[in-house]
N, C-alpha and C. Protein backbone atom coordinates (compact mmCIF):
# COMPACT_ATOMS: atom_id res chain seq x y z
N MET A 1 -9.49 150.53 214.10
CA MET A 1 -9.59 149.17 214.61
C MET A 1 -9.16 149.17 216.08
N THR A 2 -9.90 148.51 216.92
CA THR A 2 -9.56 148.45 218.34
C THR A 2 -8.44 147.45 218.59
N ILE A 3 -7.85 147.56 219.76
CA ILE A 3 -6.77 146.64 220.12
C ILE A 3 -7.26 145.20 220.07
N SER A 4 -8.43 144.95 220.63
CA SER A 4 -8.94 143.57 220.65
C SER A 4 -9.21 143.07 219.23
N ARG A 5 -9.64 143.96 218.37
CA ARG A 5 -9.88 143.56 216.97
C ARG A 5 -8.57 143.20 216.29
N ARG A 6 -7.53 144.00 216.52
CA ARG A 6 -6.21 143.70 215.93
C ARG A 6 -5.70 142.37 216.45
N ALA A 7 -5.82 142.14 217.77
CA ALA A 7 -5.37 140.89 218.36
C ALA A 7 -6.15 139.72 217.79
N ASN A 8 -7.45 139.90 217.62
CA ASN A 8 -8.30 138.85 217.06
C ASN A 8 -7.85 138.53 215.64
N ASP A 9 -7.63 139.56 214.84
CA ASP A 9 -7.17 139.34 213.47
C ASP A 9 -5.80 138.69 213.46
N ASN A 10 -4.92 139.11 214.38
CA ASN A 10 -3.56 138.59 214.41
C ASN A 10 -3.53 137.10 214.72
N TRP A 11 -4.31 136.64 215.71
CA TRP A 11 -4.25 135.21 216.01
C TRP A 11 -4.80 134.40 214.86
N ARG A 12 -5.76 134.97 214.15
CA ARG A 12 -6.31 134.26 212.99
C ARG A 12 -5.26 134.15 211.88
N GLU A 13 -4.51 135.21 211.67
CA GLU A 13 -3.46 135.19 210.64
C GLU A 13 -2.37 134.19 211.00
N VAL A 14 -1.94 134.20 212.26
CA VAL A 14 -0.90 133.26 212.69
C VAL A 14 -1.40 131.83 212.62
N SER A 15 -2.64 131.62 213.02
CA SER A 15 -3.23 130.29 212.96
C SER A 15 -3.29 129.77 211.52
N LYS A 16 -3.70 130.65 210.61
CA LYS A 16 -3.76 130.25 209.20
C LYS A 16 -2.38 129.90 208.67
N ALA A 17 -1.40 130.74 209.02
CA ALA A 17 -0.03 130.47 208.57
C ALA A 17 0.47 129.14 209.12
N ALA A 18 0.16 128.87 210.39
CA ALA A 18 0.59 127.61 211.01
C ALA A 18 -0.06 126.41 210.33
N SER A 19 -1.31 126.55 209.95
CA SER A 19 -2.02 125.43 209.34
C SER A 19 -1.46 125.09 207.96
N GLN A 20 -0.76 126.03 207.36
CA GLN A 20 -0.22 125.82 206.01
C GLN A 20 1.29 125.58 206.00
N GLU A 21 1.93 125.74 207.16
CA GLU A 21 3.40 125.64 207.21
C GLU A 21 3.85 124.18 207.12
N GLN A 22 4.85 123.94 206.30
CA GLN A 22 5.40 122.59 206.11
C GLN A 22 6.71 122.38 206.88
N ASP A 23 7.43 123.46 207.11
CA ASP A 23 8.72 123.38 207.80
C ASP A 23 8.49 123.24 209.31
N PRO A 24 8.96 122.16 209.93
CA PRO A 24 8.71 121.93 211.35
C PRO A 24 9.23 123.05 212.27
N GLU A 25 10.38 123.61 211.96
CA GLU A 25 10.94 124.68 212.79
C GLU A 25 10.09 125.95 212.68
N LYS A 26 9.67 126.29 211.48
CA LYS A 26 8.81 127.47 211.30
C LYS A 26 7.45 127.25 211.96
N LEU A 27 6.94 126.02 211.84
CA LEU A 27 5.66 125.69 212.47
C LEU A 27 5.75 125.86 213.98
N LEU A 28 6.82 125.38 214.58
CA LEU A 28 7.00 125.51 216.02
C LEU A 28 7.04 126.98 216.44
N LYS A 29 7.73 127.81 215.67
CA LYS A 29 7.78 129.25 215.96
C LYS A 29 6.38 129.87 215.88
N LEU A 30 5.62 129.48 214.88
CA LEU A 30 4.26 130.01 214.73
C LEU A 30 3.36 129.55 215.88
N VAL A 31 3.51 128.31 216.30
CA VAL A 31 2.71 127.80 217.41
C VAL A 31 3.05 128.55 218.70
N HIS A 32 4.34 128.82 218.91
CA HIS A 32 4.74 129.60 220.09
C HIS A 32 4.16 131.01 220.02
N GLU A 33 4.22 131.61 218.85
CA GLU A 33 3.67 132.96 218.67
C GLU A 33 2.16 132.96 218.93
N LEU A 34 1.47 131.97 218.40
CA LEU A 34 0.03 131.86 218.61
C LEU A 34 -0.29 131.69 220.10
N ASN A 35 0.47 130.87 220.77
CA ASN A 35 0.27 130.66 222.20
C ASN A 35 0.46 131.97 222.98
N GLU A 36 1.48 132.74 222.64
CA GLU A 36 1.72 134.02 223.31
C GLU A 36 0.56 134.99 223.08
N ILE A 37 0.07 135.05 221.86
CA ILE A 37 -1.06 135.93 221.53
C ILE A 37 -2.28 135.55 222.36
N LEU A 38 -2.59 134.27 222.41
CA LEU A 38 -3.77 133.80 223.13
C LEU A 38 -3.62 133.99 224.64
N GLU A 39 -2.41 133.82 225.16
CA GLU A 39 -2.19 134.05 226.58
C GLU A 39 -2.38 135.53 226.92
N ARG A 40 -1.89 136.43 226.06
CA ARG A 40 -2.08 137.87 226.29
C ARG A 40 -3.56 138.22 226.27
N GLN A 41 -4.30 137.64 225.34
CA GLN A 41 -5.74 137.90 225.27
C GLN A 41 -6.44 137.42 226.55
N GLU A 42 -6.08 136.24 227.02
CA GLU A 42 -6.70 135.70 228.23
C GLU A 42 -6.35 136.56 229.43
N GLU A 43 -5.12 137.03 229.53
CA GLU A 43 -4.73 137.90 230.63
C GLU A 43 -5.54 139.20 230.59
N ALA A 44 -5.72 139.75 229.40
CA ALA A 44 -6.50 140.99 229.26
C ALA A 44 -7.95 140.76 229.68
N ARG A 45 -8.52 139.64 229.29
CA ARG A 45 -9.91 139.33 229.68
C ARG A 45 -10.02 139.14 231.19
N SER A 46 -9.05 138.46 231.77
CA SER A 46 -9.07 138.24 233.22
C SER A 46 -8.97 139.57 233.96
N GLU A 47 -8.14 140.46 233.47
CA GLU A 47 -8.01 141.77 234.10
C GLU A 47 -9.31 142.55 234.00
N LEU A 48 -9.97 142.48 232.86
CA LEU A 48 -11.26 143.15 232.71
C LEU A 48 -12.28 142.62 233.69
N ARG A 49 -12.31 141.30 233.86
CA ARG A 49 -13.26 140.68 234.79
C ARG A 49 -13.00 141.13 236.22
N ARG A 50 -11.72 141.25 236.59
CA ARG A 50 -11.38 141.68 237.94
C ARG A 50 -11.79 143.12 238.19
N ASN A 51 -11.78 143.93 237.15
CA ASN A 51 -12.10 145.35 237.30
C ASN A 51 -13.59 145.63 237.32
N PHE A 52 -14.41 144.64 237.04
CA PHE A 52 -15.87 144.86 237.05
C PHE A 52 -16.49 144.37 238.32
């Protein structure tokens, strides 16, 4: 599995967990984690665009 594939699967897993979470504190942690994952993906895409 490639890095991008793992990252893609990971954000989906975190998103699914967040959609089912009932505890507000746990939900907030999941949302922060999801945001970090998506920001890293965007940074990686931006870097790829700059290198082409």
